[in-house]
């Protein structure tokens, strides 16, 4: 399977947030998550893992700063 970057996937995702965990797996969150006890957590909303259906490259940097807001101009 061809490896892609998270930026390749952003236009296809619903409005929300994406972040890579410490093991290199990417997740989509419907509400902004936060780091607590060395893991991503969220208080409300939905969570979806992106690492199974896609082969996404690791974030170039520390996982704790991998959080990216997913938004589309037509949704603003």
PDB file of N, CA and C in Angstrom:
ATOM      1  N   UNK A   1       0.836  -1.169   0.000  1.00  0.00           N
ATOM      2  CA  UNK A   1       0.000   0.000   0.000  1.00  0.00           C
ATOM      3  C   UNK A   1       0.892   1.247   0.000  1.00  0.00           C
ATOM      4  N   UNK A   2       0.562   2.206  -0.858  1.00  0.00           N
ATOM      5  CA  UNK A   2       1.326   3.437  -0.956  1.00  0.00           C
ATOM      6  C   UNK A   2       1.186   4.258   0.319  1.00  0.00           C
ATOM      7  N   UNK A   3       2.295   4.829   0.766  1.00  0.00           N
ATOM      8  CA  UNK A   3       2.262   5.655   1.965  1.00  0.00           C
ATOM      9  C   UNK A   3       1.931   7.099   1.575  1.00  0.00           C
ATOM     10  N   UNK A   4       1.056   7.738   2.363  1.00  0.00           N
ATOM     11  CA  UNK A   4       0.654   9.113   2.122  1.00  0.00           C
ATOM     12  C   UNK A   4       0.979   9.954   3.348  1.00  0.00           C
ATOM     13  N   UNK A   5       0.843  11.264   3.209  1.00  0.00           N
ATOM     14  CA  UNK A   5       1.004  12.133   4.375  1.00  0.00           C
ATOM     15  C   UNK A   5      -0.386  12.483   4.896  1.00  0.00           C
ATOM     16  N   UNK A   6      -0.457  12.943   6.099  1.00  0.00           N
ATOM     17  CA  UNK A   6      -1.737  13.342   6.674  1.00  0.00           C
ATOM     18  C   UNK A   6      -2.328  14.504   5.875  1.00  0.00           C
ATOM     19  N   UNK A   7      -1.468  15.324   5.282  1.00  0.00           N
ATOM     20  CA  UNK A   7      -1.932  16.466   4.494  1.00  0.00           C
ATOM     21  C   UNK A   7      -2.651  16.023   3.216  1.00  0.00           C
ATOM     22  N   UNK A   8      -2.297  14.855   2.684  1.00  0.00           N
ATOM     23  CA  UNK A   8      -3.012  14.297   1.532  1.00  0.00           C
ATOM     24  C   UNK A   8      -4.439  13.919   1.909  1.00  0.00           C
ATOM     25  N   UNK A   9      -4.627  13.545   3.130  1.00  0.00           N
ATOM     26  CA  UNK A   9      -5.910  13.048   3.610  1.00  0.00           C
ATOM     27  C   UNK A   9      -6.854  14.148   4.115  1.00  0.00           C
ATOM     28  N   UNK A  10      -6.303  15.278   4.538  1.00  0.00           N
ATOM     29  CA  UNK A  10      -7.115  16.337   5.141  1.00  0.00           C
ATOM     30  C   UNK A  10      -8.318  16.775   4.302  1.00  0.00           C
ATOM     31  N   UNK A  11      -8.185  16.965   2.983  1.00  0.00           N
ATOM     32  CA  UNK A  11      -9.352  17.402   2.203  1.00  0.00           C
ATOM     33  C   UNK A  11     -10.499  16.392   2.191  1.00  0.00           C
ATOM     34  N   UNK A  12     -10.226  15.149   2.508  1.00  0.00           N
ATOM     35  CA  UNK A  12     -11.241  14.097   2.480  1.00  0.00           C
ATOM     36  C   UNK A  12     -11.955  13.910   3.819  1.00  0.00           C
ATOM     37  N   UNK A  13     -11.425  14.510   4.873  1.00  0.00           N
ATOM     38  CA  UNK A  13     -11.957  14.300   6.212  1.00  0.00           C
ATOM     39  C   UNK A  13     -13.011  15.339   6.571  1.00  0.00           C
ATOM     40  N   UNK A  14     -13.897  14.952   7.465  1.00  0.00           N
ATOM     41  CA  UNK A  14     -14.883  15.888   8.001  1.00  0.00           C
ATOM     42  C   UNK A  14     -14.185  16.887   8.916  1.00  0.00           C
ATOM     43  N   UNK A  15     -14.861  18.008   9.143  1.00  0.00           N
ATOM     44  CA  UNK A  15     -14.370  19.031  10.049  1.00  0.00           C
ATOM     45  C   UNK A  15     -14.094  18.398  11.413  1.00  0.00           C
ATOM     46  N   UNK A  16     -12.974  18.747  12.018  1.00  0.00           N
ATOM     47  CA  UNK A  16     -12.580  18.198  13.304  1.00  0.00           C
ATOM     48  C   UNK A  16     -11.101  18.412  13.538  1.00  0.00           C
ATOM     49  N   UNK A  17     -10.444  17.402  14.087  1.00  0.00           N
ATOM     50  CA  UNK A  17      -9.023  17.467  14.420  1.00  0.00           C
ATOM     51  C   UNK A  17      -8.372  16.119  14.120  1.00  0.00           C
ATOM     52  N   UNK A  18      -7.103  16.128  13.730  1.00  0.00           N
ATOM     53  CA  UNK A  18      -6.327  14.901  13.581  1.00  0.00           C
ATOM     54  C   UNK A  18      -5.061  15.042  14.419  1.00  0.00           C
ATOM     55  N   UNK A  19      -4.588  13.915  14.924  1.00  0.00           N
ATOM     56  CA  UNK A  19      -3.361  13.908  15.717  1.00  0.00           C
ATOM     57  C   UNK A  19      -2.745  12.519  15.671  1.00  0.00           C
ATOM     58  N   UNK A  20      -1.430  12.491  15.750  1.00  0.00           N
ATOM     59  CA  UNK A  20      -0.704  11.224  15.805  1.00  0.00           C
ATOM     60  C   UNK A  20      -0.398  10.912  17.262  1.00  0.00           C
ATOM     61  N   UNK A  21      -0.572   9.652  17.636  1.00  0.00           N
ATOM     62  CA  UNK A  21      -0.228   9.264  19.006  1.00  0.00           C
ATOM     63  C   UNK A  21       1.256   8.905  19.094  1.00  0.00           C
ATOM     64  N   UNK A  22       1.698   8.576  20.301  1.00  0.00           N
ATOM     65  CA  UNK A  22       3.128   8.315  20.507  1.00  0.00           C
ATOM     66  C   UNK A  22       3.638   7.087  19.764  1.00  0.00           C
ATOM     67  N   UNK A  23       2.741   6.198  19.333  1.00  0.00           N
ATOM     68  CA  UNK A  23       3.175   5.016  18.583  1.00  0.00           C
ATOM     69  C   UNK A  23       3.154   5.249  17.065  1.00  0.00           C
ATOM     70  N   UNK A  24       2.772   6.452  16.639  1.00  0.00           N
ATOM     71  CA  UNK A  24       2.786   6.779  15.213  1.00  0.00           C
ATOM     72  C   UNK A  24       1.469   6.563  14.503  1.00  0.00           C
ATOM     73  N   UNK A  25       0.414   6.255  15.233  1.00  0.00           N
ATOM     74  CA  UNK A  25      -0.910   6.036  14.636  1.00  0.00           C
ATOM     75  C   UNK A  25      -1.704   7.338  14.624  1.00  0.00           C
ATOM     76  N   UNK A  26      -2.400   7.581  13.514  1.00  0.00           N
ATOM     77  CA  UNK A  26      -3.177   8.799  13.358  1.00  0.00           C
ATOM     78  C   UNK A  26      -4.631   8.578  13.739  1.00  0.00           C
ATOM     79  N   UNK A  27      -5.233   9.596  14.364  1.00  0.00           N
ATOM     80  CA  UNK A  27      -6.609   9.565  14.836  1.00  0.00           C
ATOM     81  C   UNK A  27      -7.331  10.822  14.388  1.00  0.00           C
ATOM     82  N   UNK A  28      -8.635  10.709  14.146  1.00  0.00           N
ATOM     83  CA  UNK A  28      -9.495  11.857  13.869  1.00  0.00           C
ATOM     84  C   UNK A  28     -10.425  12.035  15.065  1.00  0.00           C
ATOM     85  N   UNK A  29     -10.608  13.277  15.472  1.00  0.00           N
ATOM     86  CA  UNK A  29     -11.477  13.629  16.597  1.00  0.00           C
ATOM     87  C   UNK A  29     -12.500  14.652  16.125  1.00  0.00           C
ATOM     88  N   UNK A  30     -13.734  14.533  16.550  1.00  0.00           N
ATOM     89  CA  UNK A  30     -14.739  15.524  16.175  1.00  0.00           C
ATOM     90  C   UNK A  30     -14.608  16.792  17.022  1.00  0.00           C
ATOM     91  N   UNK A  31     -14.040  16.694  18.219  1.00  0.00           N
ATOM     92  CA  UNK A  31     -13.793  17.841  19.095  1.00  0.00           C
ATOM     93  C   UNK A  31     -12.300  17.883  19.420  1.00  0.00           C
ATOM     94  N   UNK A  32     -11.808  19.047  19.752  1.00  0.00           N
ATOM     95  CA  UNK A  32     -10.372  19.208  20.002  1.00  0.00           C
ATOM     96  C   UNK A  32      -9.917  18.339  21.183  1.00  0.00           C
ATOM     97  N   UNK A  33      -8.939  17.456  20.941  1.00  0.00           N
ATOM     98  CA  UNK A  33      -8.405  16.625  22.022  1.00  0.00           C
ATOM     99  C   UNK A  33      -7.307  17.376  22.778  1.00  0.00           C
ATOM    100  N   UNK A  34      -6.849  16.784  23.863  1.00  0.00           N
ATOM    101  CA  UNK A  34      -5.770  17.363  24.647  1.00  0.00           C
ATOM    102  C   UNK A  34      -4.869  16.238  25.142  1.00  0.00           C
ATOM    103  N   UNK A  35      -3.622  16.577  25.427  1.00  0.00           N
ATOM    104  CA  UNK A  35      -2.672  15.592  25.938  1.00  0.00           C
ATOM    105  C   UNK A  35      -2.782  15.555  27.456  1.00  0.00           C
ATOM    106  N   UNK A  36      -3.001  14.365  27.969  1.00  0.00           N
ATOM    107  CA  UNK A  36      -3.041  14.143  29.408  1.00  0.00           C
ATOM    108  C   UNK A  36      -2.440  12.772  29.674  1.00  0.00           C
ATOM    109  N   UNK A  37      -1.522  12.710  30.601  1.00  0.00           N
ATOM    110  CA  UNK A  37      -0.881  11.450  30.971  1.00  0.00           C
ATOM    111  C   UNK A  37      -0.234  10.765  29.765  1.00  0.00           C
ATOM    112  N   UNK A  38       0.377  11.575  28.916  1.00  0.00           N
ATOM    113  CA  UNK A  38       1.125  11.116  27.728  1.00  0.00           C
ATOM    114  C   UNK A  38       0.261  10.400  26.684  1.00  0.00           C
ATOM    115  N   UNK A  39      -1.019  10.806  26.600  1.00  0.00           N
ATOM    116  CA  UNK A  39      -1.939  10.270  25.585  1.00  0.00           C
ATOM    117  C   UNK A  39      -2.918  11.360  25.171  1.00  0.00           C
ATOM    118  N   UNK A  40      -3.490  11.203  23.984  1.00  0.00           N
ATOM    119  CA  UNK A  40      -4.546  12.104  23.538  1.00  0.00           C
ATOM    120  C   UNK A  40      -5.851  11.703  24.213  1.00  0.00           C
ATOM    121  N   UNK A  41      -6.585  12.684  24.695  1.00  0.00           N
ATOM    122  CA  UNK A  41      -7.888  12.470  25.318  1.00  0.00           C
ATOM    123  C   UNK A  41      -8.873  13.483  24.766  1.00  0.00           C
ATOM    124  N   UNK A  42     -10.132  13.163  24.845  1.00  0.00           N
ATOM    125  CA  UNK A  42     -11.173  14.097  24.438  1.00  0.00           C
ATOM    126  C   UNK A  42     -12.352  13.928  25.381  1.00  0.00           C
ATOM    127  N   UNK A  43     -13.073  15.022  25.601  1.00  0.00           N
ATOM    128  CA  UNK A  43     -14.162  14.998  26.578  1.00  0.00           C
ATOM    129  C   UNK A  43     -15.507  14.669  25.950  1.00  0.00           C
ATOM    130  N   UNK A  44     -15.682  15.032  24.707  1.00  0.00           N
ATOM    131  CA  UNK A  44     -16.960  14.780  24.044  1.00  0.00           C
ATOM    132  C   UNK A  44     -16.699  14.552  22.563  1.00  0.00           C
ATOM    133  N   UNK A  45     -17.705  14.094  21.879  1.00  0.00           N
ATOM    134  CA  UNK A  45     -17.568  13.908  20.447  1.00  0.00           C
ATOM    135  C   UNK A  45     -17.225  12.484  20.055  1.00  0.00           C
ATOM    136  N   UNK A  46     -16.726  12.369  18.834  1.00  0.00           N
ATOM    137  CA  UNK A  46     -16.418  11.058  18.264  1.00  0.00           C
ATOM    138  C   UNK A  46     -14.932  10.928  17.984  1.00  0.00           C
ATOM    139  N   UNK A  47     -14.497   9.696  17.879  1.00  0.00           N
ATOM    140  CA  UNK A  47     -13.109   9.350  17.617  1.00  0.00           C
ATOM    141  C   UNK A  47     -13.092   8.312  16.510  1.00  0.00           C
ATOM    142  N   UNK A  48     -12.141   8.431  15.579  1.00  0.00           N
ATOM    143  CA  UNK A  48     -12.018   7.470  14.501  1.00  0.00           C
ATOM    144  C   UNK A  48     -10.544   7.249  14.227  1.00  0.00           C
ATOM    145  N   UNK A  49     -10.119   6.001  14.120  1.00  0.00           N
ATOM    146  CA  UNK A  49      -8.723   5.747  13.819  1.00  0.00           C
ATOM    147  C   UNK A  49      -8.509   5.764  12.315  1.00  0.00           C
ATOM    148  N   UNK A  50      -7.418   6.390  11.914  1.00  0.00           N
ATOM    149  CA  UNK A  50      -7.081   6.505  10.494  1.00  0.00           C
ATOM    150  C   UNK A  50      -5.970   5.547  10.096  1.00  0.00           C
ATOM    151  N   UNK A  51      -5.360   4.893  11.063  1.00  0.00           N
ATOM    152  CA  UNK A  51      -4.190   4.079  10.764  1.00  0.00           C
ATOM    153  C   UNK A  51      -4.530   2.732  10.132  1.00  0.00           C
ATOM    154  N   UNK A  52      -5.744   2.257  10.251  1.00  0.00           N
ATOM    155  CA  UNK A  52      -6.070   0.962   9.640  1.00  0.00           C
ATOM    156  C   UNK A  52      -6.373   1.087   8.148  1.00  0.00           C
ATOM    157  N   UNK A  53      -7.250   2.018   7.727  1.00  0.00           N
ATOM    158  CA  UNK A  53      -7.544   2.063   6.299  1.00  0.00           C
ATOM    159  C   UNK A  53      -6.468   2.765   5.463  1.00  0.00           C
ATOM    160  N   UNK A  54      -5.549   3.503   6.115  1.00  0.00           N
ATOM    161  CA  UNK A  54      -4.548   4.258   5.378  1.00  0.00           C
ATOM    162  C   UNK A  54      -3.151   3.995   5.909  1.00  0.00           C
ATOM    163  N   UNK A  55      -2.169   4.125   5.037  1.00  0.00           N
ATOM    164  CA  UNK A  55      -0.764   4.010   5.417  1.00  0.00           C
ATOM    165  C   UNK A  55      -0.215   5.440   5.467  1.00  0.00           C
ATOM    166  N   UNK A  56      -0.285   6.068   6.635  1.00  0.00           N
ATOM    167  CA  UNK A  56       0.068   7.474   6.786  1.00  0.00           C
ATOM    168  C   UNK A  56       1.448   7.604   7.414  1.00  0.00           C
ATOM    169  N   UNK A  57       2.272   8.462   6.808  1.00  0.00           N
ATOM    170  CA  UNK A  57       3.616   8.700   7.340  1.00  0.00           C
ATOM    171  C   UNK A  57       3.542   9.315   8.729  1.00  0.00           C
ATOM    172  N   UNK A  58       4.579   9.068   9.496  1.00  0.00           N
ATOM    173  CA  UNK A  58       4.683   9.650  10.833  1.00  0.00           C
ATOM    174  C   UNK A  58       4.855  11.163  10.728  1.00  0.00           C
ATOM    175  N   UNK A  59       4.421  11.856  11.749  1.00  0.00           N
ATOM    176  CA  UNK A  59       4.597  13.303  11.844  1.00  0.00           C
ATOM    177  C   UNK A  59       6.083  13.595  12.002  1.00  0.00           C
ATOM    178  N   UNK A  60       6.554  14.613  11.324  1.00  0.00           N
ATOM    179  CA  UNK A  60       7.968  14.987  11.406  1.00  0.00           C
ATOM    180  C   UNK A  60       8.166  15.893  12.621  1.00  0.00           C
ATOM    181  N   UNK A  61       8.250  15.291  13.771  1.00  0.00           N
ATOM    182  CA  UNK A  61       8.392  16.026  15.020  1.00  0.00           C
ATOM    183  C   UNK A  61       7.772  15.237  16.164  1.00  0.00           C
ATOM    184  N   UNK A  62       7.646  15.887  17.291  1.00  0.00           N
ATOM    185  CA  UNK A  62       7.095  15.251  18.486  1.00  0.00           C
ATOM    186  C   UNK A  62       5.595  15.019  18.326  1.00  0.00           C
ATOM    187  N   UNK A  63       5.100  13.858  18.707  1.00  0.00           N
ATOM    188  CA  UNK A  63       3.686  13.525  18.544  1.00  0.00           C
ATOM    189  C   UNK A  63       2.777  14.494  19.282  1.00  0.00           C
ATOM    190  N   UNK A  64       3.265  15.077  20.372  1.00  0.00           N
ATOM    191  CA  UNK A  64       2.438  15.976  21.175  1.00  0.00           C
ATOM    192  C   UNK A  64       2.107  17.295  20.471  1.00  0.00           C
ATOM    193  N   UNK A  65       2.808  17.593  19.385  1.00  0.00           N
ATOM    194  CA  UNK A  65       2.517  18.816  18.619  1.00  0.00           C
ATOM    195  C   UNK A  65       1.984  18.481  17.227  1.00  0.00           C
ATOM    196  N   UNK A  66       1.505  17.265  17.047  1.00  0.00           N
ATOM    197  CA  UNK A  66       1.002  16.827  15.743  1.00  0.00           C
ATOM    198  C   UNK A  66      -0.451  17.229  15.486  1.00  0.00           C
ATOM    199  N   UNK A  67      -1.105  17.850  16.443  1.00  0.00           N
ATOM    200  CA  UNK A  67      -2.523  18.200  16.327  1.00  0.00           C
ATOM    201  C   UNK A  67      -2.745  19.184  15.171  1.00  0.00           C
ATOM    202  N   UNK A  68      -3.684  18.832  14.286  1.00  0.00           N
ATOM    203  CA  UNK A  68      -4.019  19.656  13.127  1.00  0.00           C
ATOM    204  C   UNK A  68      -5.528  19.820  13.069  1.00  0.00           C
ATOM    205  N   UNK A  69      -5.971  21.058  12.896  1.00  0.00           N
ATOM    206  CA  UNK A  69      -7.403  21.328  12.755  1.00  0.00           C
ATOM    207  C   UNK A  69      -7.815  21.034  11.319  1.00  0.00           C
ATOM    208  N   UNK A  70      -8.903  20.279  11.161  1.00  0.00           N
ATOM    209  CA  UNK A  70      -9.441  19.964   9.834  1.00  0.00           C
ATOM    210  C   UNK A  70     -10.604  20.909   9.586  1.00  0.00           C
ATOM    211  N   UNK A  71     -10.445  21.763   8.606  1.00  0.00           N
ATOM    212  CA  UNK A  71     -11.529  22.669   8.246  1.00  0.00           C
ATOM    213  C   UNK A  71     -11.490  22.899   6.745  1.00  0.00           C
ATOM    214  N   UNK A  72     -12.618  23.217   6.194  1.00  0.00           N
ATOM    215  CA  UNK A  72     -12.731  23.447   4.768  1.00  0.00           C
ATOM    216  C   UNK A  72     -13.377  24.809   4.564  1.00  0.00           C
ATOM    217  N   UNK A  73     -12.922  25.552   3.582  1.00  0.00           N
ATOM    218  CA  UNK A  73     -13.390  26.919   3.370  1.00  0.00           C
ATOM    219  C   UNK A  73     -14.914  26.998   3.274  1.00  0.00           C
ATOM    220  N   UNK A  74     -15.539  26.043   2.616  1.00  0.00           N
ATOM    221  CA  UNK A  74     -16.983  26.076   2.460  1.00  0.00           C
ATOM    222  C   UNK A  74     -17.738  25.804   3.768  1.00  0.00           C
ATOM    223  N   UNK A  75     -17.030  25.322   4.801  1.00  0.00           N
ATOM    224  CA  UNK A  75     -17.669  25.027   6.091  1.00  0.00           C
ATOM    225  C   UNK A  75     -17.513  26.172   7.082  1.00  0.00           C
ATOM    226  N   UNK A  76     -16.696  27.154   6.769  1.00  0.00           N
ATOM    227  CA  UNK A  76     -16.414  28.239   7.724  1.00  0.00           C
ATOM    228  C   UNK A  76     -17.517  29.246   7.769  1.00  0.00           C
TER     229      UNK A  76
END
